[in-house]
């Protein structure tokens, strides 16, 4: 099972294995305060794609298409997350304010399709 959660939400033992799926460290978050199994920068959208998207909901469909193409080209980045999800619950942590248009949701959907 794969869940998504904002990095600023409280830790829960029910989260299972927690992975930060952002290229940049979340603002205002101290590294020692974030309970996670790993920071998986390589699975996050490229800097170019992240800047292009700029959290603009009007670009959401195209962002998802481009991000999925990046994931297709980089299976070594996401396969460990898929393997972890087959062993137990996984929570993908993201920092965006937008809970509807963010890379973690696209990644979750992508992983569930594989």
N, C-alpha and C. Protein backbone atom coordinates (compact mmCIF):
# COMPACT_ATOMS: atom_id res chain seq x y z
N UNK A 1 0.84 -1.18 0.00
CA UNK A 1 0.00 0.00 0.00
C UNK A 1 0.89 1.24 0.00
N UNK A 2 0.51 2.22 -0.81
CA UNK A 2 1.28 3.46 -0.92
C UNK A 2 0.38 4.63 -0.55
N UNK A 3 0.86 5.46 0.36
CA UNK A 3 0.15 6.67 0.76
C UNK A 3 1.03 7.88 0.48
N UNK A 4 0.42 9.05 0.46
CA UNK A 4 1.17 10.29 0.35
C UNK A 4 0.81 11.17 1.54
N UNK A 5 1.78 12.00 1.94
CA UNK A 5 1.56 12.82 3.12
C UNK A 5 2.48 14.03 3.03
N UNK A 6 1.96 15.19 3.43
CA UNK A 6 2.82 16.36 3.51
C UNK A 6 3.86 16.14 4.59
N UNK A 7 5.06 16.55 4.30
CA UNK A 7 6.18 16.37 5.21
C UNK A 7 5.94 17.09 6.55
N UNK A 8 5.10 18.11 6.54
CA UNK A 8 4.83 18.91 7.74
C UNK A 8 3.76 18.29 8.64
N UNK A 9 3.10 17.22 8.17
CA UNK A 9 2.11 16.53 8.99
C UNK A 9 2.83 15.65 10.00
N UNK A 10 2.19 15.40 11.12
CA UNK A 10 2.80 14.62 12.20
C UNK A 10 3.08 13.19 11.77
N UNK A 11 4.17 12.66 12.28
CA UNK A 11 4.52 11.26 12.08
C UNK A 11 3.47 10.38 12.73
N UNK A 12 3.20 9.25 12.08
CA UNK A 12 2.31 8.24 12.64
C UNK A 12 2.97 6.88 12.42
N UNK A 13 2.90 6.03 13.42
CA UNK A 13 3.44 4.68 13.28
C UNK A 13 2.74 3.93 12.15
N UNK A 14 1.53 4.37 11.80
CA UNK A 14 0.76 3.75 10.72
C UNK A 14 1.29 4.14 9.34
N UNK A 15 2.25 5.07 9.26
CA UNK A 15 2.79 5.50 7.98
C UNK A 15 3.60 4.41 7.29
N UNK A 16 4.13 3.49 8.05
CA UNK A 16 5.02 2.49 7.46
C UNK A 16 6.36 3.11 7.12
N UNK A 17 6.98 2.63 6.06
CA UNK A 17 8.26 3.18 5.62
C UNK A 17 8.01 4.54 4.98
N UNK A 18 8.77 5.54 5.40
CA UNK A 18 8.56 6.92 4.94
C UNK A 18 9.73 7.37 4.08
N UNK A 19 9.40 7.89 2.88
CA UNK A 19 10.41 8.33 1.93
C UNK A 19 10.11 9.75 1.47
N UNK A 20 11.09 10.62 1.61
CA UNK A 20 10.98 11.99 1.10
C UNK A 20 11.27 11.93 -0.39
N UNK A 21 10.32 12.37 -1.21
CA UNK A 21 10.44 12.29 -2.67
C UNK A 21 10.52 13.68 -3.29
N UNK A 22 11.36 14.51 -2.71
CA UNK A 22 11.59 15.88 -3.17
C UNK A 22 13.05 16.07 -3.53
N UNK A 23 13.33 16.88 -4.50
CA UNK A 23 14.71 17.18 -4.88
C UNK A 23 15.36 18.15 -3.90
N UNK A 24 14.55 19.08 -3.36
CA UNK A 24 15.05 20.08 -2.41
C UNK A 24 14.55 19.75 -1.01
N UNK A 25 15.36 20.08 -0.01
CA UNK A 25 14.93 19.87 1.36
C UNK A 25 13.77 20.81 1.68
N UNK A 26 12.72 20.34 2.37
CA UNK A 26 11.56 21.17 2.70
C UNK A 26 11.91 22.38 3.56
N UNK A 27 11.38 23.51 3.19
CA UNK A 27 11.65 24.75 3.92
C UNK A 27 11.15 24.67 5.35
N UNK A 28 11.97 25.18 6.24
CA UNK A 28 11.60 25.25 7.65
C UNK A 28 11.67 23.93 8.39
N UNK A 29 12.08 22.87 7.73
CA UNK A 29 12.12 21.54 8.35
C UNK A 29 13.56 21.21 8.73
N UNK A 30 13.77 20.91 9.99
CA UNK A 30 15.10 20.49 10.44
C UNK A 30 15.29 19.02 10.10
N UNK A 31 16.44 18.69 9.60
CA UNK A 31 16.71 17.30 9.20
C UNK A 31 16.52 16.32 10.36
N UNK A 32 16.90 16.75 11.55
CA UNK A 32 16.78 15.85 12.70
C UNK A 32 15.32 15.68 13.15
N UNK A 33 14.42 16.54 12.69
CA UNK A 33 13.02 16.45 13.08
C UNK A 33 12.17 15.59 12.15
N UNK A 34 12.70 15.26 10.98
CA UNK A 34 11.92 14.49 10.01
C UNK A 34 12.21 13.01 10.16
N UNK A 35 11.19 12.27 10.53
CA UNK A 35 11.31 10.82 10.66
C UNK A 35 11.05 10.22 9.28
N UNK A 36 12.09 9.59 8.73
CA UNK A 36 11.97 8.99 7.41
C UNK A 36 13.00 7.88 7.25
N UNK A 37 12.73 7.01 6.31
CA UNK A 37 13.66 5.93 6.02
C UNK A 37 14.75 6.39 5.07
N UNK A 38 14.38 7.25 4.11
CA UNK A 38 15.37 7.73 3.15
C UNK A 38 14.84 8.96 2.42
N UNK A 39 15.79 9.76 1.95
CA UNK A 39 15.50 10.90 1.08
C UNK A 39 15.88 10.44 -0.32
N UNK A 40 14.87 10.27 -1.18
CA UNK A 40 15.07 9.71 -2.51
C UNK A 40 15.00 10.83 -3.55
N UNK A 41 16.03 11.65 -3.59
CA UNK A 41 16.08 12.81 -4.50
C UNK A 41 15.95 12.40 -5.96
N UNK A 42 16.55 11.27 -6.31
CA UNK A 42 16.63 10.83 -7.70
C UNK A 42 15.27 10.56 -8.32
N UNK A 43 14.26 10.30 -7.50
CA UNK A 43 12.93 9.98 -8.01
C UNK A 43 12.07 11.24 -8.20
N UNK A 44 12.54 12.36 -7.70
CA UNK A 44 11.81 13.63 -7.82
C UNK A 44 11.91 14.16 -9.24
N UNK A 45 10.99 15.04 -9.63
CA UNK A 45 11.10 15.66 -10.95
C UNK A 45 12.41 16.43 -11.09
N UNK A 46 12.92 16.49 -12.31
CA UNK A 46 14.15 17.22 -12.56
C UNK A 46 13.97 18.69 -12.19
N UNK A 47 15.08 19.36 -11.93
CA UNK A 47 15.01 20.79 -11.62
C UNK A 47 14.33 21.57 -12.74
N UNK A 48 14.61 21.21 -13.98
CA UNK A 48 14.00 21.90 -15.11
C UNK A 48 12.48 21.73 -15.11
N UNK A 49 12.03 20.51 -14.90
CA UNK A 49 10.59 20.25 -14.89
C UNK A 49 9.92 20.92 -13.69
N UNK A 50 10.57 20.85 -12.55
CA UNK A 50 10.02 21.47 -11.34
C UNK A 50 9.85 22.97 -11.53
N UNK A 51 10.87 23.61 -12.10
CA UNK A 51 10.79 25.07 -12.35
C UNK A 51 9.73 25.39 -13.38
N UNK A 52 9.65 24.58 -14.44
CA UNK A 52 8.65 24.82 -15.49
C UNK A 52 7.23 24.72 -14.91
N UNK A 53 6.98 23.69 -14.12
CA UNK A 53 5.64 23.48 -13.54
C UNK A 53 5.28 24.61 -12.58
N UNK A 54 6.17 24.94 -11.68
CA UNK A 54 5.98 26.05 -10.74
C UNK A 54 4.63 25.97 -10.01
N UNK A 55 4.17 24.77 -9.75
CA UNK A 55 2.91 24.53 -9.03
C UNK A 55 1.70 25.21 -9.67
N UNK A 56 1.70 25.29 -11.00
CA UNK A 56 0.61 25.90 -11.76
C UNK A 56 -0.40 24.81 -12.15
N UNK A 57 -1.58 24.79 -11.54
CA UNK A 57 -2.57 23.75 -11.85
C UNK A 57 -2.92 23.67 -13.34
N UNK A 58 -2.79 24.77 -14.07
CA UNK A 58 -3.08 24.75 -15.51
C UNK A 58 -2.09 23.87 -16.27
N UNK A 59 -0.92 23.63 -15.69
CA UNK A 59 0.12 22.81 -16.32
C UNK A 59 0.12 21.36 -15.81
N UNK A 60 -0.84 21.02 -14.98
CA UNK A 60 -0.84 19.73 -14.29
C UNK A 60 -0.79 18.54 -15.25
N UNK A 61 -1.64 18.52 -16.25
CA UNK A 61 -1.66 17.39 -17.18
C UNK A 61 -0.33 17.20 -17.89
N UNK A 62 0.23 18.28 -18.37
CA UNK A 62 1.52 18.20 -19.07
C UNK A 62 2.65 17.86 -18.09
N UNK A 63 2.57 18.37 -16.87
CA UNK A 63 3.56 18.03 -15.85
C UNK A 63 3.57 16.52 -15.62
N UNK A 64 2.39 15.94 -15.45
CA UNK A 64 2.31 14.50 -15.21
C UNK A 64 2.90 13.71 -16.37
N UNK A 65 2.61 14.12 -17.60
CA UNK A 65 3.14 13.44 -18.77
C UNK A 65 4.67 13.51 -18.78
N UNK A 66 5.22 14.68 -18.55
CA UNK A 66 6.67 14.86 -18.57
C UNK A 66 7.35 14.13 -17.41
N UNK A 67 6.72 14.18 -16.24
CA UNK A 67 7.30 13.52 -15.07
C UNK A 67 7.31 12.00 -15.28
N UNK A 68 6.24 11.46 -15.81
CA UNK A 68 6.17 10.02 -16.09
C UNK A 68 7.24 9.62 -17.10
N UNK A 69 7.51 10.48 -18.07
CA UNK A 69 8.58 10.19 -19.04
C UNK A 69 9.94 10.15 -18.33
N UNK A 70 10.14 11.07 -17.38
CA UNK A 70 11.39 11.04 -16.60
C UNK A 70 11.48 9.75 -15.79
N UNK A 71 10.37 9.33 -15.20
CA UNK A 71 10.37 8.09 -14.42
C UNK A 71 10.64 6.89 -15.32
N UNK A 72 10.05 6.87 -16.51
CA UNK A 72 10.29 5.77 -17.46
C UNK A 72 11.78 5.64 -17.77
N UNK A 73 12.46 6.78 -17.84
CA UNK A 73 13.88 6.79 -18.20
C UNK A 73 14.80 6.51 -17.01
N UNK A 74 14.23 6.40 -15.81
CA UNK A 74 15.06 6.26 -14.61
C UNK A 74 14.49 5.21 -13.64
N UNK A 75 14.31 3.97 -14.10
CA UNK A 75 13.70 2.96 -13.23
C UNK A 75 14.50 2.64 -11.97
N UNK A 76 15.83 2.82 -12.03
CA UNK A 76 16.63 2.52 -10.84
C UNK A 76 16.30 3.45 -9.68
N UNK A 77 15.69 4.59 -9.97
CA UNK A 77 15.31 5.53 -8.91
C UNK A 77 14.03 5.09 -8.20
N UNK A 78 13.05 4.57 -8.96
CA UNK A 78 11.76 4.26 -8.35
C UNK A 78 11.56 2.79 -7.98
N UNK A 79 12.33 1.89 -8.55
CA UNK A 79 12.13 0.47 -8.24
C UNK A 79 12.30 0.13 -6.76
N UNK A 80 13.26 0.74 -6.04
CA UNK A 80 13.34 0.46 -4.60
C UNK A 80 12.06 0.84 -3.84
N UNK A 81 11.40 1.90 -4.26
CA UNK A 81 10.13 2.29 -3.63
C UNK A 81 9.05 1.26 -3.93
N UNK A 82 9.02 0.79 -5.16
CA UNK A 82 8.05 -0.23 -5.54
C UNK A 82 8.29 -1.51 -4.75
N UNK A 83 9.56 -1.91 -4.62
CA UNK A 83 9.90 -3.11 -3.84
C UNK A 83 9.48 -2.95 -2.38
N UNK A 84 9.72 -1.77 -1.81
CA UNK A 84 9.32 -1.52 -0.42
C UNK A 84 7.81 -1.61 -0.26
N UNK A 85 7.07 -1.13 -1.26
CA UNK A 85 5.60 -1.15 -1.16
C UNK A 85 5.06 -2.57 -1.24
N UNK A 86 5.79 -3.46 -1.85
CA UNK A 86 5.37 -4.87 -1.93
C UNK A 86 5.58 -5.59 -0.59
N UNK A 87 6.47 -5.03 0.24
CA UNK A 87 6.77 -5.64 1.54
C UNK A 87 5.92 -5.09 2.67
N UNK A 88 5.35 -3.89 2.46
CA UNK A 88 4.56 -3.27 3.51
C UNK A 88 4.12 -1.88 3.12
N UNK A 89 3.55 -1.18 4.05
CA UNK A 89 3.04 0.16 3.80
C UNK A 89 4.18 1.13 3.56
N UNK A 90 3.98 2.03 2.58
CA UNK A 90 4.95 3.06 2.24
C UNK A 90 4.24 4.40 2.21
N UNK A 91 4.87 5.43 2.74
CA UNK A 91 4.34 6.79 2.66
C UNK A 91 5.35 7.66 1.94
N UNK A 92 4.88 8.31 0.87
CA UNK A 92 5.70 9.23 0.10
C UNK A 92 5.49 10.63 0.68
N UNK A 93 6.57 11.24 1.12
CA UNK A 93 6.50 12.56 1.74
C UNK A 93 6.82 13.65 0.73
N UNK A 94 6.00 14.69 0.72
CA UNK A 94 6.20 15.82 -0.18
C UNK A 94 6.02 17.11 0.59
N UNK A 95 6.49 18.23 0.03
CA UNK A 95 6.43 19.49 0.77
C UNK A 95 5.48 20.52 0.17
N UNK A 96 4.98 20.29 -1.03
CA UNK A 96 4.12 21.29 -1.69
C UNK A 96 2.87 21.59 -0.86
N UNK A 97 2.42 22.83 -0.93
CA UNK A 97 1.18 23.21 -0.24
C UNK A 97 -0.04 22.60 -0.93
N UNK A 98 0.05 22.46 -2.24
CA UNK A 98 -1.06 21.94 -3.04
C UNK A 98 -1.16 20.43 -2.83
N UNK A 99 -2.24 20.00 -2.23
CA UNK A 99 -2.43 18.58 -1.93
C UNK A 99 -3.07 17.82 -3.08
N UNK A 100 -3.38 18.51 -4.18
CA UNK A 100 -4.02 17.89 -5.33
C UNK A 100 -3.08 17.81 -6.53
N UNK A 101 -2.17 18.77 -6.64
CA UNK A 101 -1.26 18.84 -7.79
C UNK A 101 0.18 18.81 -7.29
N UNK A 102 0.72 17.63 -7.05
CA UNK A 102 2.11 17.51 -6.59
C UNK A 102 2.73 16.22 -7.10
N UNK A 103 4.05 16.21 -7.13
CA UNK A 103 4.77 15.07 -7.70
C UNK A 103 4.52 13.76 -6.96
N UNK A 104 4.29 13.81 -5.66
CA UNK A 104 4.08 12.58 -4.90
C UNK A 104 2.82 11.84 -5.37
N UNK A 105 1.78 12.57 -5.73
CA UNK A 105 0.56 11.93 -6.23
C UNK A 105 0.81 11.25 -7.58
N UNK A 106 1.57 11.92 -8.43
CA UNK A 106 1.90 11.32 -9.73
C UNK A 106 2.77 10.09 -9.53
N UNK A 107 3.75 10.19 -8.64
CA UNK A 107 4.62 9.06 -8.36
C UNK A 107 3.83 7.88 -7.78
N UNK A 108 2.92 8.16 -6.87
CA UNK A 108 2.08 7.10 -6.28
C UNK A 108 1.32 6.36 -7.38
N UNK A 109 0.68 7.12 -8.25
CA UNK A 109 -0.08 6.53 -9.35
C UNK A 109 0.83 5.71 -10.27
N UNK A 110 1.98 6.24 -10.57
CA UNK A 110 2.95 5.56 -11.43
C UNK A 110 3.38 4.23 -10.80
N UNK A 111 3.72 4.26 -9.52
CA UNK A 111 4.14 3.03 -8.83
C UNK A 111 3.02 2.00 -8.79
N UNK A 112 1.81 2.45 -8.54
CA UNK A 112 0.68 1.52 -8.46
C UNK A 112 0.41 0.85 -9.82
N UNK A 113 0.74 1.55 -10.90
CA UNK A 113 0.57 0.97 -12.24
C UNK A 113 1.63 -0.08 -12.54
N UNK A 114 2.72 -0.06 -11.80
CA UNK A 114 3.80 -1.03 -12.04
C UNK A 114 3.76 -2.14 -11.00
